[in-house]
Amino acid sequence: MPDKRLLILAALAAVVAVAFMTVGLRGNIAFALELRAVRLVTLIQVGVAIAISTVVFQTVTANRVLTPQIMGLDALYLFGQMALVLTLGSVGYVALDPRLKFAGEAGLMMAMALVLFLPMLRRRFDIGLLLLTGVVLGVLFRSLAMLIARLIDPNEFAVVQGSSFADFNTVRPDLVVIGLAVTTVAAVIIWRLRHLLDIVALGADSATGLGVDWTKALAGLLLLVAALVAVSTALVGPVTFFGLLVVALAERIVDSRRHRLLLPAAMLTAVIVLLGGQMVLQHVLGGAATLGVVIEFVGGLVFLAMLITTSKL
């Protein structure tokens, strides 16, 4: 039955992708198809990256309510945007080479991930300490970003304000290629480790008893998560609750936490939500809202619902 549900999800994702490319197509069709193809690949890449990273992170932390953003990478991203505007001004910020900016943002977030994870290899891995450190760093970077926002000119703040939410519309094709390459490599590695993830989900003692090097396994998995989050955030901006939303939906659909089922279900659900949401906003609502804002709102409601449900158990 779960396999049939995966096939249904795959068919639905294919239908939504075709509809995304063809609905409302007019004018210069070749140009429109090229533009939509870039956006299609961007949405698929970001959806897959966020879905996989959230599944792996929830497995590692043994908590279905957490997302990788608790590590503070999105807060570091926002702080970086504010710092650039403060030092370069709005004109210099807009004039930055997008490729250089993308590489700097992704590199900075990966550097923070290394600072968090590598010290854990020297002693027994304490996931609670890691999460607490990530929360503290996230609060620090958000506070610094708010401080800079108060210091800079309001006109300059308006330039960077859009970076606070994910933007799926203005993405360069060359950056999409880089993000797609990183996401593909990480996704293949994680898929090959799907049975290891099932063992990790049993807990430290059980996994160690089954021959898993707990510290190295978790550090490696978290580095893959950080790479996926860094690339997707640098590409479209921070997305806090989207991963939580699609993983919760995928788990309900396949009714299983086995990674052979949950990983593809989460990826397909993410693709359906992003492509379907973009179509509805663009062709039904006339672009009256931004997809990133709507996703964060709905995801936040799901987060609150999961917290309330968990507290009643």
C-alpha atoms as a PDB file:
ATOM      1  CA  MET A   1       0.000   0.000   0.000  1.00  0.00           C
ATOM      2  CA  PRO A   2       2.727   2.608   0.814  1.00  0.00           C
ATOM      3  CA  ASP A   3       4.421   1.798  -2.516  1.00  0.00           C
ATOM      4  CA  LYS A   4       1.160   2.490  -4.349  1.00  0.00           C
ATOM      5  CA  ARG A   5       0.874   5.801  -2.525  1.00  0.00           C
ATOM      6  CA  LEU A   6       4.386   6.688  -3.654  1.00  0.00           C
ATOM      7  CA  LEU A   7       3.401   5.945  -7.248  1.00  0.00           C
ATOM      8  CA  ILE A   8       0.338   8.172  -6.862  1.00  0.00           C
ATOM      9  CA  LEU A   9       2.521  10.958  -5.446  1.00  0.00           C
ATOM     10  CA  ALA A  10       4.975  10.577  -8.332  1.00  0.00           C
ATOM     11  CA  ALA A  11       2.158  10.722 -10.889  1.00  0.00           C
ATOM     12  CA  LEU A  12       0.650  13.775  -9.198  1.00  0.00           C
ATOM     13  CA  ALA A  13       4.046  15.505  -9.109  1.00  0.00           C
ATOM     14  CA  ALA A  14       4.489  14.835 -12.836  1.00  0.00           C
ATOM     15  CA  VAL A  15       1.024  16.231 -13.604  1.00  0.00           C
ATOM     16  CA  VAL A  16       1.679  19.350 -11.529  1.00  0.00           C
ATOM     17  CA  ALA A  17       5.053  19.839 -13.251  1.00  0.00           C
ATOM     18  CA  VAL A  18       3.465  19.627 -16.711  1.00  0.00           C
ATOM     19  CA  ALA A  19       0.710  22.022 -15.641  1.00  0.00           C
ATOM     20  CA  PHE A  20       3.319  24.415 -14.235  1.00  0.00           C
ATOM     21  CA  MET A  21       5.059  24.497 -17.621  1.00  0.00           C
ATOM     22  CA  THR A  22       1.920  24.859 -19.769  1.00  0.00           C
ATOM     23  CA  VAL A  23      -0.901  26.633 -17.894  1.00  0.00           C
ATOM     24  CA  GLY A  24      -1.392  30.210 -19.101  1.00  0.00           C
ATOM     25  CA  LEU A  25       1.344  29.907 -21.719  1.00  0.00           C
ATOM     26  CA  ARG A  26       1.149  32.699 -24.315  1.00  0.00           C
ATOM     27  CA  GLY A  27       3.257  35.267 -26.124  1.00  0.00           C
ATOM     28  CA  ASN A  28       6.827  34.243 -26.915  1.00  0.00           C
ATOM     29  CA  ILE A  29       6.442  30.559 -26.080  1.00  0.00           C
ATOM     30  CA  ALA A  30      10.127  29.658 -26.395  1.00  0.00           C
ATOM     31  CA  PHE A  31      11.164  32.414 -23.987  1.00  0.00           C
ATOM     32  CA  ALA A  32       8.328  31.606 -21.584  1.00  0.00           C
ATOM     33  CA  LEU A  33       9.213  27.908 -21.559  1.00  0.00           C
ATOM     34  CA  GLU A  34      12.873  28.681 -20.881  1.00  0.00           C
ATOM     35  CA  LEU A  35      11.949  30.978 -17.992  1.00  0.00           C
ATOM     36  CA  ARG A  36       9.517  28.462 -16.527  1.00  0.00           C
ATOM     37  CA  ALA A  37      12.030  25.643 -16.903  1.00  0.00           C
ATOM     38  CA  VAL A  38      14.535  27.528 -14.740  1.00  0.00           C
ATOM     39  CA  ARG A  39      11.874  28.169 -12.111  1.00  0.00           C
ATOM     40  CA  LEU A  40      10.722  24.544 -12.310  1.00  0.00           C
ATOM     41  CA  VAL A  41      14.228  23.227 -11.670  1.00  0.00           C
ATOM     42  CA  THR A  42      14.706  25.772  -8.874  1.00  0.00           C
ATOM     43  CA  LEU A  43      11.504  24.772  -7.098  1.00  0.00           C
ATOM     44  CA  ILE A  44      12.273  21.058  -7.446  1.00  0.00           C
ATOM     45  CA  GLN A  45      15.852  21.484  -6.236  1.00  0.00           C
ATOM     46  CA  VAL A  46      14.880  23.585  -3.220  1.00  0.00           C
ATOM     47  CA  GLY A  47      11.958  21.314  -2.357  1.00  0.00           C
ATOM     48  CA  VAL A  48      14.098  18.179  -2.499  1.00  0.00           C
ATOM     49  CA  ALA A  49      16.922  19.772  -0.483  1.00  0.00           C
ATOM     50  CA  ILE A  50      14.637  21.015   2.284  1.00  0.00           C
ATOM     51  CA  ALA A  51      12.613  17.790   2.439  1.00  0.00           C
ATOM     52  CA  ILE A  52      15.667  15.520   2.675  1.00  0.00           C
ATOM     53  CA  SER A  53      17.473  17.722   5.181  1.00  0.00           C
ATOM     54  CA  THR A  54      14.407  17.864   7.440  1.00  0.00           C
ATOM     55  CA  VAL A  55      13.867  14.085   7.369  1.00  0.00           C
ATOM     56  CA  VAL A  56      17.513  13.402   8.227  1.00  0.00           C
ATOM     57  CA  PHE A  57      17.612  16.080  10.924  1.00  0.00           C
ATOM     58  CA  GLN A  58      14.469  14.768  12.607  1.00  0.00           C
ATOM     59  CA  THR A  59      15.925  11.256  12.542  1.00  0.00           C
ATOM     60  CA  VAL A  60      19.217  12.389  14.066  1.00  0.00           C
ATOM     61  CA  THR A  61      17.537  14.441  16.796  1.00  0.00           C
ATOM     62  CA  ALA A  62      14.718  11.903  17.364  1.00  0.00           C
ATOM     63  CA  ASN A  63      12.250  14.791  17.314  1.00  0.00           C
ATOM     64  CA  ARG A  64       9.512  15.290  14.701  1.00  0.00           C
ATOM     65  CA  VAL A  65       8.961  18.948  15.620  1.00  0.00           C
ATOM     66  CA  LEU A  66      12.492  20.194  14.920  1.00  0.00           C
ATOM     67  CA  THR A  67      13.845  21.491  11.610  1.00  0.00           C
ATOM     68  CA  PRO A  68      17.454  22.134  10.527  1.00  0.00           C
ATOM     69  CA  GLN A  69      16.866  25.868  10.916  1.00  0.00           C
ATOM     70  CA  ILE A  70      17.273  25.413  14.681  1.00  0.00           C
ATOM     71  CA  MET A  71      21.020  25.255  13.981  1.00  0.00           C
ATOM     72  CA  GLY A  72      20.884  28.994  13.282  1.00  0.00           C
ATOM     73  CA  LEU A  73      21.981  28.917   9.639  1.00  0.00           C
ATOM     74  CA  ASP A  74      19.042  31.036   8.466  1.00  0.00           C
ATOM     75  CA  ALA A  75      19.791  33.606  11.173  1.00  0.00           C
ATOM     76  CA  LEU A  76      23.400  33.723   9.975  1.00  0.00           C
ATOM     77  CA  TYR A  77      22.118  34.280   6.426  1.00  0.00           C
ATOM     78  CA  LEU A  78      19.980  37.248   7.510  1.00  0.00           C
ATOM     79  CA  PHE A  79      22.851  38.701   9.519  1.00  0.00           C
ATOM     80  CA  GLY A  80      25.091  38.395   6.458  1.00  0.00           C
ATOM     81  CA  GLN A  81      22.599  40.324   4.316  1.00  0.00           C
ATOM     82  CA  MET A  82      22.342  43.104   6.887  1.00  0.00           C
ATOM     83  CA  ALA A  83      26.121  43.261   7.291  1.00  0.00           C
ATOM     84  CA  LEU A  84      26.582  43.602   3.524  1.00  0.00           C
ATOM     85  CA  VAL A  85      24.148  46.515   3.348  1.00  0.00           C
ATOM     86  CA  LEU A  86      25.816  48.170   6.343  1.00  0.00           C
ATOM     87  CA  THR A  87      29.311  47.943   4.841  1.00  0.00           C
ATOM     88  CA  LEU A  88      28.583  48.367   1.115  1.00  0.00           C
ATOM     89  CA  GLY A  89      25.402  50.413   1.136  1.00  0.00           C
ATOM     90  CA  SER A  90      22.303  49.592  -0.875  1.00  0.00           C
ATOM     91  CA  VAL A  91      23.960  50.437  -4.208  1.00  0.00           C
ATOM     92  CA  GLY A  92      26.964  48.223  -3.513  1.00  0.00           C
ATOM     93  CA  TYR A  93      24.697  45.441  -2.235  1.00  0.00           C
ATOM     94  CA  VAL A  94      22.617  45.407  -5.409  1.00  0.00           C
ATOM     95  CA  ALA A  95      25.760  45.591  -7.580  1.00  0.00           C
ATOM     96  CA  LEU A  96      27.351  42.496  -6.002  1.00  0.00           C
ATOM     97  CA  ASP A  97      28.125  39.606  -8.351  1.00  0.00           C
ATOM     98  CA  PRO A  98      25.355  37.047  -7.620  1.00  0.00           C
ATOM     99  CA  ARG A  99      27.791  34.149  -8.034  1.00  0.00           C
ATOM    100  CA  LEU A 100      30.240  35.648  -5.550  1.00  0.00           C
ATOM    101  CA  LYS A 101      27.402  36.422  -3.145  1.00  0.00           C
ATOM    102  CA  PHE A 102      26.010  32.880  -3.453  1.00  0.00           C
ATOM    103  CA  ALA A 103      29.419  31.312  -2.839  1.00  0.00           C
ATOM    104  CA  GLY A 104      30.079  33.572   0.145  1.00  0.00           C
ATOM    105  CA  GLU A 105      26.712  32.859   1.761  1.00  0.00           C
ATOM    106  CA  ALA A 106      26.923  29.100   1.269  1.00  0.00           C
ATOM    107  CA  GLY A 107      30.556  29.049   2.423  1.00  0.00           C
ATOM    108  CA  LEU A 108      29.769  31.078   5.542  1.00  0.00           C
ATOM    109  CA  MET A 109      26.924  28.773   6.549  1.00  0.00           C
ATOM    110  CA  MET A 110      29.035  25.669   5.943  1.00  0.00           C
ATOM    111  CA  ALA A 111      31.833  27.205   8.039  1.00  0.00           C
ATOM    112  CA  MET A 112      29.376  27.685  10.898  1.00  0.00           C
ATOM    113  CA  ALA A 113      28.249  24.073  10.510  1.00  0.00           C
ATOM    114  CA  LEU A 114      31.855  22.878  10.724  1.00  0.00           C
ATOM    115  CA  VAL A 115      32.379  24.951  13.867  1.00  0.00           C
ATOM    116  CA  LEU A 116      29.318  23.260  15.368  1.00  0.00           C
ATOM    117  CA  PHE A 117      29.973  19.672  14.318  1.00  0.00           C
ATOM    118  CA  LEU A 118      33.719  19.031  14.179  1.00  0.00           C
ATOM    119  CA  PRO A 119      34.379  19.521  17.923  1.00  0.00           C
ATOM    120  CA  MET A 120      31.790  16.817  18.545  1.00  0.00           C
ATOM    121  CA  LEU A 121      34.094  14.237  16.928  1.00  0.00           C
ATOM    122  CA  ARG A 122      36.573  14.570  19.781  1.00  0.00           C
ATOM    123  CA  ARG A 123      34.192  13.285  22.424  1.00  0.00           C
ATOM    124  CA  ARG A 124      30.864  11.501  22.732  1.00  0.00           C
ATOM    125  CA  PHE A 125      28.301  13.206  20.532  1.00  0.00           C
ATOM    126  CA  ASP A 126      25.843  15.246  22.600  1.00  0.00           C
ATOM    127  CA  ILE A 127      22.940  16.213  20.363  1.00  0.00           C
ATOM    128  CA  GLY A 128      21.372  18.305  23.130  1.00  0.00           C
ATOM    129  CA  LEU A 129      24.487  20.449  23.397  1.00  0.00           C
ATOM    130  CA  LEU A 130      24.558  20.854  19.626  1.00  0.00           C
ATOM    131  CA  LEU A 131      20.935  22.017  19.490  1.00  0.00           C
ATOM    132  CA  LEU A 132      21.439  24.397  22.403  1.00  0.00           C
ATOM    133  CA  THR A 133      24.532  25.862  20.745  1.00  0.00           C
ATOM    134  CA  GLY A 134      22.618  26.316  17.496  1.00  0.00           C
ATOM    135  CA  VAL A 135      19.744  28.055  19.278  1.00  0.00           C
ATOM    136  CA  VAL A 136      22.115  30.416  21.101  1.00  0.00           C
ATOM    137  CA  LEU A 137      23.988  31.270  17.901  1.00  0.00           C
ATOM    138  CA  GLY A 138      20.689  31.784  16.090  1.00  0.00           C
ATOM    139  CA  VAL A 139      19.501  34.223  18.758  1.00  0.00           C
ATOM    140  CA  LEU A 140      22.862  36.009  18.598  1.00  0.00           C
ATOM    141  CA  PHE A 141      22.779  36.464  14.820  1.00  0.00           C
ATOM    142  CA  ARG A 142      19.119  37.531  14.819  1.00  0.00           C
ATOM    143  CA  SER A 143      19.856  40.111  17.515  1.00  0.00           C
ATOM    144  CA  LEU A 144      22.822  41.434  15.539  1.00  0.00           C
ATOM    145  CA  ALA A 145      20.683  41.596  12.391  1.00  0.00           C
ATOM    146  CA  MET A 146      18.022  43.585  14.275  1.00  0.00           C
ATOM    147  CA  LEU A 147      20.692  45.920  15.626  1.00  0.00           C
ATOM    148  CA  ILE A 148      22.037  46.597  12.135  1.00  0.00           C
ATOM    149  CA  ALA A 149      18.486  47.118  10.859  1.00  0.00           C
ATOM    150  CA  ARG A 150      18.104  49.937  13.375  1.00  0.00           C
ATOM    151  CA  LEU A 151      21.418  51.493  12.372  1.00  0.00           C
ATOM    152  CA  ILE A 152      21.047  51.574   8.599  1.00  0.00           C
ATOM    153  CA  ASP A 153      18.961  53.997   6.564  1.00  0.00           C
ATOM    154  CA  PRO A 154      15.299  52.942   6.118  1.00  0.00           C
ATOM    155  CA  ASN A 155      15.714  53.045   2.340  1.00  0.00           C
ATOM    156  CA  GLU A 156      18.660  50.656   2.584  1.00  0.00           C
ATOM    157  CA  PHE A 157      16.684  48.410   4.914  1.00  0.00           C
ATOM    158  CA  ALA A 158      13.911  48.225   2.310  1.00  0.00           C
ATOM    159  CA  VAL A 159      16.448  46.833  -0.175  1.00  0.00           C
ATOM    160  CA  VAL A 160      17.433  43.938   2.085  1.00  0.00           C
ATOM    161  CA  GLN A 161      14.020  43.339   3.659  1.00  0.00           C
ATOM    162  CA  GLY A 162      13.023  40.970   0.878  1.00  0.00           C
ATOM    163  CA  SER A 163      15.854  38.645   1.914  1.00  0.00           C
ATOM    164  CA  SER A 164      13.912  37.817   5.083  1.00  0.00           C
ATOM    165  CA  PHE A 165      11.586  35.594   3.046  1.00  0.00           C
ATOM    166  CA  ALA A 166      12.229  33.002   0.382  1.00  0.00           C
ATOM    167  CA  ASP A 167      12.047  34.282  -3.200  1.00  0.00           C
ATOM    168  CA  PHE A 168      11.403  31.572  -5.798  1.00  0.00           C
ATOM    169  CA  ASN A 169      11.031  33.926  -8.763  1.00  0.00           C
ATOM    170  CA  THR A 170      14.370  35.712  -9.230  1.00  0.00           C
ATOM    171  CA  VAL A 171      17.028  33.009  -9.526  1.00  0.00           C
ATOM    172  CA  ARG A 172      19.971  32.924 -11.940  1.00  0.00           C
ATOM    173  CA  PRO A 173      20.308  29.746 -14.046  1.00  0.00           C
ATOM    174  CA  ASP A 174      24.037  29.413 -13.297  1.00  0.00           C
ATOM    175  CA  LEU A 175      23.327  29.412  -9.561  1.00  0.00           C
ATOM    176  CA  VAL A 176      20.590  26.839 -10.035  1.00  0.00           C
ATOM    177  CA  VAL A 177      23.105  24.528 -11.722  1.00  0.00           C
ATOM    178  CA  ILE A 178      25.452  24.776  -8.725  1.00  0.00           C
ATOM    179  CA  GLY A 179      22.629  24.174  -6.269  1.00  0.00           C
ATOM    180  CA  LEU A 180      21.331  21.269  -8.326  1.00  0.00           C
ATOM    181  CA  ALA A 181      24.764  19.621  -8.380  1.00  0.00           C
ATOM    182  CA  VAL A 182      25.198  19.863  -4.599  1.00  0.00           C
ATOM    183  CA  THR A 183      21.646  18.691  -3.932  1.00  0.00           C
ATOM    184  CA  THR A 184      21.979  15.730  -6.304  1.00  0.00           C
ATOM    185  CA  VAL A 185      25.228  14.525  -4.726  1.00  0.00           C
ATOM    186  CA  ALA A 186      23.872  14.903  -1.184  1.00  0.00           C
ATOM    187  CA  ALA A 187      20.573  13.225  -2.100  1.00  0.00           C
ATOM    188  CA  VAL A 188      22.350  10.225  -3.647  1.00  0.00           C
ATOM    189  CA  ILE A 189      24.578   9.821  -0.582  1.00  0.00           C
ATOM    190  CA  ILE A 190      21.629  10.055   1.811  1.00  0.00           C
ATOM    191  CA  TRP A 191      19.605   7.570  -0.251  1.00  0.00           C
ATOM    192  CA  ARG A 192      22.476   5.093  -0.072  1.00  0.00           C
ATOM    193  CA  LEU A 193      22.480   5.621   3.714  1.00  0.00           C
ATOM    194  CA  ARG A 194      18.726   5.061   4.094  1.00  0.00           C
ATOM    195  CA  HIS A 195      19.231   1.802   6.002  1.00  0.00           C
ATOM    196  CA  LEU A 196      21.749   3.500   8.291  1.00  0.00           C
ATOM    197  CA  LEU A 197      19.124   6.164   8.992  1.00  0.00           C
ATOM    198  CA  ASP A 198      16.668   3.451  10.043  1.00  0.00           C
ATOM    199  CA  ILE A 199      19.270   2.213  12.525  1.00  0.00           C
ATOM    200  CA  VAL A 200      20.071   5.731  13.765  1.00  0.00           C
ATOM    201  CA  ALA A 201      16.355   6.223  14.434  1.00  0.00           C
ATOM    202  CA  LEU A 202      16.555   3.429  17.035  1.00  0.00           C
ATOM    203  CA  GLY A 203      18.736   5.593  19.292  1.00  0.00           C
ATOM    204  CA  ALA A 204      22.387   5.763  20.312  1.00  0.00           C
ATOM    205  CA  ASP A 205      22.532   2.588  22.399  1.00  0.00           C
ATOM    206  CA  SER A 206      20.761   0.369  19.873  1.00  0.00           C
ATOM    207  CA  ALA A 207      22.716   1.797  16.934  1.00  0.00           C
ATOM    208  CA  THR A 208      26.030   1.348  18.737  1.00  0.00           C
ATOM    209  CA  GLY A 209      25.075  -2.211  19.622  1.00  0.00           C
ATOM    210  CA  LEU A 210      24.448  -2.872  15.924  1.00  0.00           C
ATOM    211  CA  GLY A 211      27.957  -1.719  15.042  1.00  0.00           C
ATOM    212  CA  VAL A 212      27.341   1.908  14.060  1.00  0.00           C
ATOM    213  CA  ASP A 213      29.994   4.485  14.959  1.00  0.00           C
ATOM    214  CA  TRP A 214      27.437   6.849  16.469  1.00  0.00           C
ATOM    215  CA  THR A 215      29.583   9.984  16.640  1.00  0.00           C
ATOM    216  CA  LYS A 216      30.966   9.800  13.108  1.00  0.00           C
ATOM    217  CA  ALA A 217      27.631   8.759  11.622  1.00  0.00           C
ATOM    218  CA  LEU A 218      25.761  11.690  13.150  1.00  0.00           C
ATOM    219  CA  ALA A 219      28.484  14.204  12.332  1.00  0.00           C
ATOM    220  CA  GLY A 220      28.517  13.061   8.699  1.00  0.00           C
ATOM    221  CA  LEU A 221      24.732  13.157   8.415  1.00  0.00           C
ATOM    222  CA  LEU A 222      24.555  16.619   9.953  1.00  0.00           C
ATOM    223  CA  LEU A 223      27.210  17.927   7.563  1.00  0.00           C
ATOM    224  CA  LEU A 224      25.079  16.694   4.659  1.00  0.00           C
ATOM    225  CA  VAL A 225      22.066  18.426   6.207  1.00  0.00           C
ATOM    226  CA  ALA A 226      24.078  21.642   6.603  1.00  0.00           C
ATOM    227  CA  ALA A 227      25.199  21.498   2.957  1.00  0.00           C
ATOM    228  CA  LEU A 228      21.602  21.116   1.750  1.00  0.00           C
ATOM    229  CA  VAL A 229      20.322  23.909   3.994  1.00  0.00           C
ATOM    230  CA  ALA A 230      23.212  26.224   3.078  1.00  0.00           C
ATOM    231  CA  VAL A 231      22.728  25.794  -0.668  1.00  0.00           C
ATOM    232  CA  SER A 232      18.930  26.131  -0.617  1.00  0.00           C
ATOM    233  CA  THR A 233      19.063  29.158   1.702  1.00  0.00           C
ATOM    234  CA  ALA A 234      21.747  30.892  -0.365  1.00  0.00           C
ATOM    235  CA  LEU A 235      19.699  30.204  -3.502  1.00  0.00           C
ATOM    236  CA  VAL A 236      16.207  31.397  -2.506  1.00  0.00           C
ATOM    237  CA  GLY A 237      16.438  32.663   1.079  1.00  0.00           C
ATOM    238  CA  PRO A 238      15.422  31.277   4.479  1.00  0.00           C
ATOM    239  CA  VAL A 239      12.531  28.807   4.710  1.00  0.00           C
ATOM    240  CA  THR A 240      11.783  27.890   8.315  1.00  0.00           C
ATOM    241  CA  PHE A 241       8.634  25.759   8.405  1.00  0.00           C
ATOM    242  CA  PHE A 242       8.398  24.334   4.886  1.00  0.00           C
ATOM    243  CA  GLY A 243      10.362  21.197   5.726  1.00  0.00           C
ATOM    244  CA  LEU A 244       8.215  20.549   8.781  1.00  0.00           C
ATOM    245  CA  LEU A 245       5.068  20.921   6.673  1.00  0.00           C
ATOM    246  CA  VAL A 246       6.040  18.528   3.870  1.00  0.00           C
ATOM    247  CA  VAL A 247       7.557  15.872   6.146  1.00  0.00           C
ATOM    248  CA  ALA A 248       4.425  15.862   8.320  1.00  0.00           C
ATOM    249  CA  LEU A 249       2.264  15.467   5.204  1.00  0.00           C
ATOM    250  CA  ALA A 250       4.524  12.760   3.776  1.00  0.00           C
ATOM    251  CA  GLU A 251       4.465  10.791   7.015  1.00  0.00           C
ATOM    252  CA  ARG A 252       0.676  10.888   7.030  1.00  0.00           C
ATOM    253  CA  ILE A 253       0.558   9.737   3.413  1.00  0.00           C
ATOM    254  CA  VAL A 254       2.891   6.726   3.685  1.00  0.00           C
ATOM    255  CA  ASP A 255       2.110   6.087   7.374  1.00  0.00           C
ATOM    256  CA  SER A 256       5.707   5.089   8.054  1.00  0.00           C
ATOM    257  CA  ARG A 257       9.037   6.455   9.312  1.00  0.00           C
ATOM    258  CA  ARG A 258      11.041   3.965   7.243  1.00  0.00           C
ATOM    259  CA  HIS A 259      13.387   6.057   5.157  1.00  0.00           C
ATOM    260  CA  ARG A 260      12.907   3.920   2.055  1.00  0.00           C
ATOM    261  CA  LEU A 261       9.383   5.341   1.966  1.00  0.00           C
ATOM    262  CA  LEU A 262       9.640   8.625   3.839  1.00  0.00           C
ATOM    263  CA  LEU A 263      12.502  10.166   1.833  1.00  0.00           C
ATOM    264  CA  PRO A 264      10.859   9.891  -1.612  1.00  0.00           C
ATOM    265  CA  ALA A 265       7.440  10.750  -0.165  1.00  0.00           C
ATOM    266  CA  ALA A 266       8.805  13.936   1.415  1.00  0.00           C
ATOM    267  CA  MET A 267      10.585  14.931  -1.802  1.00  0.00           C
ATOM    268  CA  LEU A 268       7.503  14.380  -3.957  1.00  0.00           C
ATOM    269  CA  THR A 269       5.258  16.177  -1.466  1.00  0.00           C
ATOM    270  CA  ALA A 270       7.633  19.149  -1.441  1.00  0.00           C
ATOM    271  CA  VAL A 271       7.598  19.326  -5.236  1.00  0.00           C
ATOM    272  CA  ILE A 272       3.786  19.151  -5.355  1.00  0.00           C
ATOM    273  CA  VAL A 273       3.371  21.842  -2.691  1.00  0.00           C
ATOM    274  CA  LEU A 274       5.861  24.256  -4.264  1.00  0.00           C
ATOM    275  CA  LEU A 275       4.744  23.848  -7.873  1.00  0.00           C
ATOM    276  CA  GLY A 276       1.054  23.712  -7.003  1.00  0.00           C
ATOM    277  CA  GLY A 277       1.321  26.671  -4.645  1.00  0.00           C
ATOM    278  CA  GLN A 278       3.170  28.754  -7.221  1.00  0.00           C
ATOM    279  CA  MET A 279       0.526  27.979  -9.867  1.00  0.00           C
ATOM    280  CA  VAL A 280      -2.357  28.877  -7.574  1.00  0.00           C
ATOM    281  CA  LEU A 281      -0.766  32.147  -6.494  1.00  0.00           C
ATOM    282  CA  GLN A 282       0.192  33.131 -10.027  1.00  0.00           C
ATOM    283  CA  HIS A 283      -2.812  32.049 -12.091  1.00  0.00           C
ATOM    284  CA  VAL A 284      -5.685  32.007  -9.575  1.00  0.00           C
ATOM    285  CA  LEU A 285      -4.803  34.817  -7.169  1.00  0.00           C
ATOM    286  CA  GLY A 286      -2.958  36.910  -9.729  1.00  0.00           C
ATOM    287  CA  GLY A 287       0.255  37.122  -7.728  1.00  0.00           C
ATOM    288  CA  ALA A 288      -1.506  38.745  -4.776  1.00  0.00           C
ATOM    289  CA  ALA A 289       0.757  36.931  -2.306  1.00  0.00           C
ATOM    290  CA  THR A 290       4.297  35.569  -2.142  1.00  0.00           C
ATOM    291  CA  LEU A 291       4.775  31.815  -2.045  1.00  0.00           C
ATOM    292  CA  GLY A 292       7.454  31.994   0.648  1.00  0.00           C
ATOM    293  CA  VAL A 293       5.210  34.002   2.990  1.00  0.00           C
ATOM    294  CA  VAL A 294       2.214  31.692   2.466  1.00  0.00           C
ATOM    295  CA  ILE A 295       4.322  28.580   3.078  1.00  0.00           C
ATOM    296  CA  GLU A 296       5.766  30.033   6.274  1.00  0.00           C
ATOM    297  CA  PHE A 297       2.264  30.916   7.512  1.00  0.00           C
ATOM    298  CA  VAL A 298       0.800  27.474   6.815  1.00  0.00           C
ATOM    299  CA  GLY A 299       3.931  25.746   8.109  1.00  0.00           C
ATOM    300  CA  GLY A 300       3.754  27.786  11.294  1.00  0.00           C
ATOM    301  CA  LEU A 301       0.183  26.627  11.858  1.00  0.00           C
ATOM    302  CA  VAL A 302       1.282  23.015  11.346  1.00  0.00           C
ATOM    303  CA  PHE A 303       4.115  23.563  13.819  1.00  0.00           C
ATOM    304  CA  LEU A 304       1.707  24.878  16.461  1.00  0.00           C
ATOM    305  CA  ALA A 305      -0.693  21.998  15.815  1.00  0.00           C
ATOM    306  CA  MET A 306       2.121  19.464  16.237  1.00  0.00           C
ATOM    307  CA  LEU A 307       3.236  21.120  19.474  1.00  0.00           C
ATOM    308  CA  ILE A 308      -0.302  21.012  20.872  1.00  0.00           C
ATOM    309  CA  THR A 309      -0.766  17.390  19.785  1.00  0.00           C
ATOM    310  CA  THR A 310       2.571  16.361  21.290  1.00  0.00           C
ATOM    311  CA  SER A 311       1.823  18.090  24.592  1.00  0.00           C
ATOM    312  CA  LYS A 312      -1.438  16.132  24.935  1.00  0.00           C
ATOM    313  CA  LEU A 313       0.281  12.762  24.531  1.00  0.00           C
END
